[in-house]
Amino acid sequence: MADEPTTGELWRLMQQISTRLDRFAAPDVYQFQHQQLVNEISELRAEIAAMQHAAEEKERRVDEERRAAEARRQQDRRMVFTALVAPVLLLFLQVYLTARGAGA
């Protein structure tokens, strides 16, 4: 009977086994943590996709605004030509024709 452990040794061994078992997660706890991680990754992917969509939308709006500004500049150039340059050219043409017709 000298080979058999004493009650104190058995108690100590049971505490060691209990400590070791406490280090391991139960399968349901592991599954829950894994599912939480999967959910968090899905949420982050959705946020990234939303941010990319917002960035693309902003880029599209900036591009549209740039095109609209370019169209306004072209209209302004046409208006300047129509309102200022064309009447001056017509005035010079009329003066030239009048001078030429008076001298003929």
Protein backbone atom coordinates (compact mmCIF):
# COMPACT_ATOMS: atom_id res chain seq x y z
CA MET A 1 0.00 0.00 0.00
CA ALA A 2 2.98 2.24 -0.05
CA ASP A 3 2.46 2.85 -3.76
CA GLU A 4 -1.01 4.31 -3.35
CA PRO A 5 -1.23 8.14 -3.15
CA THR A 6 -2.44 9.75 0.01
CA THR A 7 -5.64 11.75 0.23
CA GLY A 8 -3.64 15.00 0.13
CA GLU A 9 -1.84 13.91 -3.00
CA LEU A 10 -5.13 12.91 -4.62
CA TRP A 11 -6.58 16.29 -3.75
CA ARG A 12 -3.53 18.04 -5.23
CA LEU A 13 -3.74 15.94 -8.42
CA MET A 14 -7.47 16.69 -8.77
CA GLN A 15 -6.75 20.41 -8.44
CA GLN A 16 -4.07 20.15 -11.15
CA ILE A 17 -6.49 18.35 -13.45
CA SER A 18 -9.19 20.93 -12.69
CA THR A 19 -6.76 23.77 -13.48
CA ARG A 20 -5.80 22.14 -16.76
CA LEU A 21 -9.42 21.60 -17.73
CA ASP A 22 -10.22 25.25 -16.94
CA ARG A 23 -7.69 26.32 -19.58
CA PHE A 24 -9.64 24.68 -22.38
CA ALA A 25 -12.74 26.31 -23.79
CA ALA A 26 -15.87 24.29 -24.00
CA PRO A 27 -16.96 23.51 -27.58
CA ASP A 28 -20.09 25.64 -27.27
CA VAL A 29 -18.03 28.60 -26.00
CA TYR A 30 -15.58 28.14 -28.86
CA GLN A 31 -18.45 27.94 -31.36
CA PHE A 32 -20.02 31.11 -29.92
CA GLN A 33 -16.72 33.00 -30.10
CA HIS A 34 -16.15 31.76 -33.63
CA GLN A 35 -19.64 32.88 -34.68
CA GLN A 36 -19.08 36.29 -33.09
CA LEU A 37 -15.84 36.64 -35.04
CA VAL A 38 -17.57 35.64 -38.29
CA ASN A 39 -20.34 38.17 -37.61
CA GLU A 40 -17.82 40.92 -36.90
CA ILE A 41 -15.94 40.16 -40.11
CA SER A 42 -19.21 40.30 -42.07
CA GLU A 43 -20.08 43.66 -40.50
CA LEU A 44 -16.64 45.04 -41.32
CA ARG A 45 -16.94 43.84 -44.92
CA ALA A 46 -20.33 45.53 -45.20
CA GLU A 47 -18.89 48.77 -43.78
CA ILE A 48 -15.98 48.64 -46.22
CA ALA A 49 -18.35 48.04 -49.13
CA ALA A 50 -20.52 50.97 -48.02
CA MET A 51 -17.46 53.20 -47.73
CA GLN A 52 -16.28 52.16 -51.21
CA HIS A 53 -19.74 52.84 -52.62
CA ALA A 54 -19.81 56.26 -50.96
CA ALA A 55 -16.35 57.06 -52.35
CA GLU A 56 -17.39 56.00 -55.85
CA GLU A 57 -20.58 58.08 -55.56
CA LYS A 58 -18.58 61.11 -54.44
CA GLU A 59 -16.14 60.63 -57.31
CA ARG A 60 -19.05 60.40 -59.75
CA ARG A 61 -20.59 63.62 -58.38
CA VAL A 62 -17.26 65.45 -58.60
CA ASP A 63 -16.87 64.27 -62.19
CA GLU A 64 -20.41 65.46 -63.04
CA GLU A 65 -19.73 68.83 -61.42
CA ARG A 66 -16.48 69.14 -63.40
CA ARG A 67 -18.33 68.37 -66.64
CA ALA A 68 -21.07 70.87 -65.78
CA ALA A 69 -18.46 73.55 -65.02
CA GLU A 70 -16.75 72.84 -68.35
CA ALA A 71 -20.09 73.13 -70.17
CA ARG A 72 -20.77 76.47 -68.42
CA ARG A 73 -17.34 77.73 -69.49
CA GLN A 74 -18.07 76.77 -73.10
CA GLN A 75 -21.43 78.55 -72.95
CA ASP A 76 -19.75 81.62 -71.45
CA ARG A 77 -17.21 81.67 -74.31
CA ARG A 78 -20.00 81.44 -76.88
CA MET A 79 -21.91 84.19 -75.12
CA VAL A 80 -18.83 86.44 -75.02
CA PHE A 81 -18.28 85.87 -78.71
CA THR A 82 -21.93 86.47 -79.53
CA ALA A 83 -22.34 89.50 -77.26
CA LEU A 84 -18.99 91.25 -77.77
CA VAL A 85 -16.87 90.00 -80.63
CA ALA A 86 -19.56 89.45 -83.26
CA PRO A 87 -21.08 92.97 -82.97
CA VAL A 88 -17.61 94.55 -83.14
CA LEU A 89 -16.78 92.53 -86.25
CA LEU A 90 -20.09 93.50 -87.82
CA LEU A 91 -19.41 97.16 -86.99
CA PHE A 92 -15.98 96.99 -88.65
CA LEU A 93 -17.49 95.24 -91.65
CA GLN A 94 -20.17 97.90 -91.94
CA VAL A 95 -17.59 100.72 -91.65
CA TYR A 96 -15.39 99.01 -94.23
CA LEU A 97 -18.27 98.52 -96.67
CA THR A 98 -19.45 102.10 -96.12
CA ALA A 99 -15.94 103.47 -96.71
CA ARG A 100 -15.48 101.34 -99.77
CA GLY A 101 -18.90 102.21 -101.14
CA ALA A 102 -18.34 105.94 -100.55
CA GLY A 103 -15.02 105.86 -102.36
CA ALA A 104 -16.33 103.95 -105.36
